């Protein structure tokens, strides 16, 4: 479904034209969320303009991250709800058939998406030390359509 007028929330798997999530590897992403943040995560995100690069929905205790233009599934985050209403990441998956050369960068990209697109945490965009771009912000705009300050990750 192409971007259009404001869609109703919460986002569901039927809110956008998506492709199935393919093969995946587990990534070491962890985070904790208050009950209020968990409620915000469950709303998801429906793109409303071409600059918004992600469609995100919550279903069966999982956040599903799909590219907005292609509908391709990229990340899945399984959440564990606590009795208090708070939640934590139980496991996270990244869709790939290939080996991941920079797991730290991949995890920080997911942290950026969750924190900024869903929770308004205002995290800086994580730049890999090995990335080169023609002008500042080009990679961030291509990845997320955002213009947050950036930080270069230390190589570990």
Protein backbone atom coordinates (compact mmCIF):
# COMPACT_ATOMS: atom_id res chain seq x y z
CA UNK A 1 0.00 0.00 0.00
CA UNK A 2 1.65 3.29 -1.00
CA UNK A 3 1.88 6.20 1.40
CA UNK A 4 -1.29 8.24 1.52
CA UNK A 5 -3.64 9.90 3.96
CA UNK A 6 -3.10 9.32 7.69
CA UNK A 7 -3.87 5.71 8.49
CA UNK A 8 -5.43 4.41 11.66
CA UNK A 9 -3.33 3.00 14.47
CA UNK A 10 -2.25 0.61 15.72
CA UNK A 11 -0.41 -0.55 12.61
CA UNK A 12 -1.12 -4.18 11.70
CA UNK A 13 0.28 -6.59 9.13
CA UNK A 14 -2.68 -5.57 6.93
CA UNK A 15 -1.83 -1.85 7.09
CA UNK A 16 0.87 -2.10 4.39
CA UNK A 17 1.89 -4.27 1.45
CA UNK A 18 4.64 -6.39 3.01
CA UNK A 19 6.76 -9.36 2.01
CA UNK A 20 7.35 -12.33 4.30
CA UNK A 21 10.30 -12.23 6.64
CA UNK A 22 12.94 -14.59 5.21
CA UNK A 23 15.94 -16.32 6.71
CA UNK A 24 17.39 -14.52 9.68
CA UNK A 25 20.17 -14.47 12.21
CA UNK A 26 19.87 -13.56 15.87
CA UNK A 27 21.54 -10.29 16.85
CA UNK A 28 22.55 -9.21 20.38
CA UNK A 29 20.15 -6.28 20.73
CA UNK A 30 18.77 -5.68 24.22
CA UNK A 31 16.61 -2.94 25.70
CA UNK A 32 14.03 -2.33 28.41
CA UNK A 33 10.82 -0.36 28.07
CA UNK A 34 8.45 1.20 30.56
CA UNK A 35 4.76 0.32 30.32
CA UNK A 36 4.16 3.65 28.58
CA UNK A 37 6.95 2.99 26.06
CA UNK A 38 5.68 -0.56 25.48
CA UNK A 39 2.25 0.86 24.63
CA UNK A 40 3.92 3.22 22.12
CA UNK A 41 5.86 0.33 20.56
CA UNK A 42 2.63 -1.58 20.04
CA UNK A 43 1.20 1.29 17.96
CA UNK A 44 3.89 0.79 15.31
CA UNK A 45 4.56 3.20 12.47
CA UNK A 46 2.82 3.65 9.14
CA UNK A 47 4.75 5.77 6.60
CA UNK A 48 2.90 8.84 5.42
CA UNK A 49 5.52 10.35 3.10
CA UNK A 50 8.28 9.05 0.81
CA UNK A 51 10.90 10.24 3.30
CA UNK A 52 9.56 7.81 5.91
CA UNK A 53 11.52 4.66 5.10
CA UNK A 54 10.03 2.12 7.57
CA UNK A 55 6.72 0.38 8.21
CA UNK A 56 6.62 -1.12 11.72
CA UNK A 57 3.88 -3.17 13.32
CA UNK A 58 3.42 -5.24 16.47
CA UNK A 59 1.92 -8.73 16.38
CA UNK A 60 2.22 -11.80 18.61
CA UNK A 61 4.64 -10.05 21.01
CA UNK A 62 6.94 -9.07 18.12
CA UNK A 63 7.83 -5.80 16.46
CA UNK A 64 8.21 -6.28 12.69
CA UNK A 65 10.33 -3.80 10.74
CA UNK A 66 9.75 -3.64 6.96
CA UNK A 67 11.20 -1.24 4.42
CA UNK A 68 8.47 1.20 3.42
CA UNK A 69 9.02 1.18 -0.34
CA UNK A 70 9.69 -2.51 -0.88
CA UNK A 71 7.81 -4.09 2.03
CA UNK A 72 10.85 -6.28 2.68
CA UNK A 73 11.12 -7.57 6.26
CA UNK A 74 14.44 -6.56 7.85
CA UNK A 75 14.21 -6.81 11.66
CA UNK A 76 12.00 -8.67 14.12
CA UNK A 77 12.14 -7.98 17.85
CA UNK A 78 10.43 -10.37 20.26
CA UNK A 79 9.35 -8.66 23.47
CA UNK A 80 8.66 -10.09 26.91
CA UNK A 81 5.97 -8.28 28.91
CA UNK A 82 6.41 -8.15 32.68
CA UNK A 83 3.59 -8.21 35.27
CA UNK A 84 4.21 -4.49 35.82
CA UNK A 85 3.40 -3.75 32.17
CA UNK A 86 7.04 -2.99 31.40
CA UNK A 87 8.73 -5.01 28.65
CA UNK A 88 12.18 -6.13 27.57
CA UNK A 89 13.72 -7.55 24.43
CA UNK A 90 13.63 -11.34 24.49
CA UNK A 91 15.44 -11.72 21.15
CA UNK A 92 16.07 -9.82 17.94
CA UNK A 93 16.50 -11.09 14.40
CA UNK A 94 17.99 -9.59 11.24
CA UNK A 95 16.94 -10.91 7.84
CA UNK A 96 19.99 -12.04 5.90
CA UNK A 97 21.53 -15.01 4.14
CA UNK A 98 25.00 -13.52 4.52
CA UNK A 99 27.45 -13.23 7.38
CA UNK A 100 27.32 -9.91 9.19
CA UNK A 101 30.69 -8.19 9.34
CA UNK A 102 29.77 -5.39 11.78
CA UNK A 103 27.30 -6.71 14.37
CA UNK A 104 27.82 -3.70 16.67
CA UNK A 105 26.73 -1.32 13.90
CA UNK A 106 23.71 -3.47 13.03
CA UNK A 107 22.54 -3.53 16.65
CA UNK A 108 22.98 0.24 16.96
CA UNK A 109 20.96 0.79 13.76
CA UNK A 110 18.09 -1.21 15.28
CA UNK A 111 18.44 0.72 18.57
CA UNK A 112 18.23 3.96 16.54
CA UNK A 113 15.04 2.83 14.76
CA UNK A 114 13.29 1.73 17.94
CA UNK A 115 14.43 4.73 19.96
CA UNK A 116 13.77 7.45 17.41
CA UNK A 117 10.97 6.27 15.13
CA UNK A 118 8.83 4.75 17.89
CA UNK A 119 9.89 6.35 21.20
CA UNK A 120 11.27 9.82 20.36
CA UNK A 121 14.47 9.17 22.34
CA UNK A 122 16.50 11.43 20.02
CA UNK A 123 19.47 9.10 19.69
CA UNK A 124 22.30 10.06 17.32
CA UNK A 125 22.49 8.10 14.09
CA UNK A 126 25.24 5.44 14.34
CA UNK A 127 27.78 5.73 11.54
CA UNK A 128 30.15 2.88 10.91
CA UNK A 129 33.85 3.76 10.87
CA UNK A 130 34.11 1.96 7.54
CA UNK A 131 31.31 3.89 5.83
CA UNK A 132 32.01 6.66 3.39
CA UNK A 133 29.39 9.00 2.00
CA UNK A 134 29.43 11.82 -0.53
CA UNK A 135 28.04 14.35 1.99
CA UNK A 136 27.12 14.29 5.69
CA UNK A 137 23.71 12.75 6.37
CA UNK A 138 23.31 10.91 3.06
CA UNK A 139 23.51 7.42 4.59
CA UNK A 140 21.16 8.35 7.43
CA UNK A 141 18.60 9.82 5.04
CA UNK A 142 18.76 6.75 2.82
CA UNK A 143 18.38 4.40 5.80
CA UNK A 144 15.78 6.20 7.88
CA UNK A 145 14.72 9.44 6.22
CA UNK A 146 15.84 11.36 9.30
CA UNK A 147 18.30 14.14 10.08
CA UNK A 148 19.46 13.45 13.63
CA UNK A 149 22.99 14.29 14.80
CA UNK A 150 25.40 11.46 14.01
CA UNK A 151 28.08 9.58 15.92
CA UNK A 152 30.80 7.36 14.53
CA UNK A 153 31.02 4.02 16.29
CA UNK A 154 34.34 2.88 17.68
CA UNK A 155 35.70 -0.22 16.02
CA UNK A 156 35.74 -3.03 18.59
